[in-house]
Protein backbone atom coordinates (compact mmCIF):
# COMPACT_ATOMS: atom_id res chain seq x y z
CA PHE A 1 77.85 -69.33 -128.36
CA TRP A 2 80.07 -66.30 -127.65
CA GLY A 3 77.97 -65.59 -124.59
CA VAL A 4 78.72 -69.04 -123.23
CA MET A 5 82.43 -68.55 -123.80
CA VAL A 6 82.38 -65.18 -122.04
CA PHE A 7 80.42 -66.73 -119.18
CA PHE A 8 82.98 -69.53 -118.84
CA VAL A 9 85.83 -67.02 -118.69
CA LEU A 10 84.09 -64.76 -116.16
CA ALA A 11 82.90 -67.65 -113.99
CA GLY A 12 86.37 -69.21 -114.07
CA TYR A 13 87.95 -65.93 -113.03
CA LEU A 14 85.45 -65.33 -110.22
CA ILE A 15 85.66 -68.88 -108.86
CA THR A 16 89.47 -68.78 -109.00
CA ARG A 17 89.54 -65.47 -107.18
CA GLN A 18 87.08 -66.69 -104.55
CA LEU A 19 89.04 -69.88 -103.95
CA CYS A 20 92.37 -68.04 -103.75
CA GLU A 21 90.95 -65.48 -101.31
CA GLU A 22 89.54 -68.23 -99.11
CA LYS A 23 92.82 -70.12 -99.11
CA ASP A 24 94.78 -66.94 -98.38
CA SER A 25 92.53 -65.81 -95.54
CA THR A 26 91.88 -69.16 -93.83
CA GLY A 27 94.82 -71.25 -95.01
CA ARG A 28 92.50 -73.81 -96.57
CA ILE A 29 89.58 -74.33 -98.93
CA ASP A 30 86.43 -75.77 -97.44
CA LEU A 31 85.57 -78.20 -100.23
CA ARG A 32 82.42 -79.45 -98.54
CA HIS A 33 81.02 -75.91 -98.29
CA PHE A 34 82.10 -75.12 -101.87
CA TYR A 35 80.46 -78.22 -103.37
CA LEU A 36 77.27 -77.91 -101.30
CA LYS A 37 76.88 -74.26 -102.27
CA ARG A 38 77.07 -75.14 -105.96
CA ALA A 39 74.77 -78.15 -105.59
CA PHE A 40 72.10 -76.09 -103.83
CA ARG A 41 72.40 -73.41 -106.49
CA LEU A 42 72.17 -75.74 -109.50
CA TYR A 43 70.32 -78.90 -108.58
CA PRO A 44 66.90 -77.76 -107.27
CA GLY A 45 65.94 -76.11 -110.56
CA LEU A 46 67.56 -78.84 -112.62
CA VAL A 47 65.79 -81.64 -110.74
CA LEU A 48 62.46 -79.80 -110.92
CA MET A 49 62.83 -79.27 -114.65
CA CYS A 50 63.72 -82.94 -115.21
CA ALA A 51 60.82 -84.13 -113.03
CA LEU A 52 58.38 -81.98 -115.00
CA LEU A 53 59.75 -83.33 -118.25
CA VAL A 54 59.14 -86.91 -117.05
CA VAL A 55 55.58 -85.98 -116.04
CA PHE A 56 55.00 -84.65 -119.54
CA GLY A 57 56.34 -87.81 -121.19
CA PHE A 58 60.00 -87.03 -121.77
CA HIS A 59 61.96 -90.30 -121.73
CA TRP A 60 64.14 -90.78 -118.64
CA THR A 61 67.14 -91.95 -120.72
CA ARG A 62 67.50 -88.37 -121.92
CA ILE A 63 67.41 -87.09 -118.34
CA TRP A 64 70.15 -89.22 -116.75
CA PRO A 65 73.01 -87.50 -118.60
CA THR A 66 71.69 -84.16 -117.37
CA LEU A 67 71.34 -85.19 -113.73
CA GLY A 68 74.61 -87.11 -113.84
CA GLN A 69 76.45 -84.12 -115.32
CA TRP A 70 77.71 -85.94 -118.42
CA SER A 71 75.32 -84.50 -120.99
CA ASN A 72 78.24 -82.88 -122.81
CA PHE A 73 79.86 -86.27 -123.41
CA SER A 74 76.47 -87.76 -124.31
CA ARG A 75 76.23 -85.15 -127.06
CA VAL A 76 79.73 -86.04 -128.24
CA ALA A 77 78.59 -89.67 -128.48
CA GLY A 78 75.65 -88.58 -130.61
CA ALA A 79 72.84 -88.81 -128.06
CA ASP A 80 69.75 -86.75 -128.77
CA LEU A 81 68.90 -84.98 -125.52
CA GLY A 82 66.04 -83.02 -127.04
CA VAL A 83 65.09 -80.01 -124.95
CA LEU A 84 67.95 -80.86 -122.56
CA THR A 85 70.61 -80.30 -125.22
CA HIS A 86 71.63 -77.05 -123.56
CA THR A 87 72.65 -78.88 -120.37
CA TRP A 88 76.07 -79.66 -121.89
CA PHE A 89 76.97 -76.22 -120.57
CA ILE A 90 75.98 -77.16 -117.01
CA ALA A 91 78.01 -80.38 -117.25
CA VAL A 92 81.14 -78.46 -118.29
CA MET A 93 80.67 -76.10 -115.34
CA ALA A 94 80.10 -79.02 -112.97
CA HIS A 95 83.36 -80.65 -114.11
CA PHE A 96 85.18 -77.36 -113.58
CA TYR A 97 83.61 -76.97 -110.12
CA LEU A 98 84.67 -80.50 -109.25
CA LEU A 99 88.30 -80.26 -110.35
CA TRP A 100 89.40 -76.62 -110.06
CA PRO A 101 89.10 -76.27 -106.25
CA LEU A 102 91.34 -79.33 -105.89
CA ALA A 103 93.90 -77.74 -108.20
CA ILE A 104 93.83 -74.38 -106.40
CA ARG A 105 94.07 -76.16 -103.08
CA ALA A 106 97.25 -77.93 -104.22
CA ILE A 107 99.04 -74.86 -105.63
CA PRO A 108 101.28 -73.02 -103.16
CA ARG A 109 100.51 -69.30 -102.92
CA ARG A 110 104.00 -68.24 -103.97
CA ARG A 111 103.73 -70.27 -107.21
CA ARG A 112 100.07 -69.57 -107.99
CA ILE A 113 100.51 -67.07 -110.84
CA GLN A 114 103.13 -69.21 -112.60
CA VAL A 115 101.16 -72.45 -112.22
CA ILE A 116 97.79 -71.00 -113.24
CA GLY A 117 99.42 -69.10 -116.11
CA GLY A 118 101.17 -72.27 -117.23
CA LEU A 119 97.92 -74.24 -117.06
CA LEU A 120 96.13 -71.60 -119.11
CA ALA A 121 98.89 -71.64 -121.72
CA LEU A 122 98.72 -75.44 -121.91
CA LEU A 123 94.94 -75.30 -122.31
CA LEU A 124 95.22 -72.80 -125.15
CA VAL A 125 97.75 -75.01 -126.93
CA TRP A 126 95.54 -78.06 -126.34
CA ARG A 127 92.52 -76.25 -127.80
CA ALA A 128 94.49 -75.25 -130.89
CA VAL A 129 95.65 -78.84 -131.39
CA ALA A 130 92.17 -80.25 -130.67
CA ILE A 131 90.58 -78.01 -133.30
CA VAL A 132 92.82 -79.62 -135.90
CA VAL A 133 92.83 -83.27 -134.77
CA LEU A 134 89.52 -83.92 -132.99
CA GLU A 135 85.94 -84.11 -134.16
CA PRO A 136 84.01 -80.82 -134.01
CA ALA A 137 81.47 -82.38 -131.63
CA TRP A 138 84.24 -83.11 -129.12
CA VAL A 139 85.81 -79.68 -129.42
CA TYR A 140 82.47 -77.93 -129.00
CA ASN A 141 81.07 -80.00 -126.10
CA ALA A 142 83.89 -81.60 -124.15
CA THR A 143 85.14 -80.27 -120.86
CA ASP A 144 88.80 -80.29 -121.88
CA THR A 145 88.38 -78.19 -125.01
CA ASN A 146 85.12 -76.29 -125.25
CA ALA A 147 86.27 -74.17 -128.15
CA ARG A 148 84.05 -72.72 -130.84
CA ASN A 149 85.72 -73.92 -134.02
CA CYS A 150 82.58 -74.85 -135.91
CA THR A 151 81.00 -72.81 -138.62
CA PRO A 152 77.24 -72.31 -138.11
CA GLY A 153 76.34 -75.08 -140.56
CA GLU A 154 78.52 -77.56 -138.64
CA TRP A 155 77.33 -76.94 -135.09
CA PRO A 156 76.73 -80.26 -133.38
CA MET A 157 73.28 -80.41 -131.90
């Protein structure tokens, strides 16, 4: 679970840097190119894996949350995704990839550090509050929190 958190931080930093560099050098962010690049990186393997699972008898109702990128919220709702449980991670990344380029695109360059810093501070406060007031399954799986507040015996599967 620490590896996932480190990956999220590194991926977030790299994507933010890439988006900022593109916006600074071209004056815009090519959202179509950004989204297609991620789709072609993630979906071929994901679709192949899901197709093979169906061939081997895995029920399609467990596959839709994975292909639709809402498996993290399916887990929060208590769905048993079986061998696709790990795809909550891909759903969180997909949500980030969907929303973050729009945010970076909207932030003026001269205000970027203050706005991104402010957003990060708000997210940290939200995570701290969520750990206290929300269910562990939400805090662990949801896109807006994704904190690791559970002890090993409480990990939602």
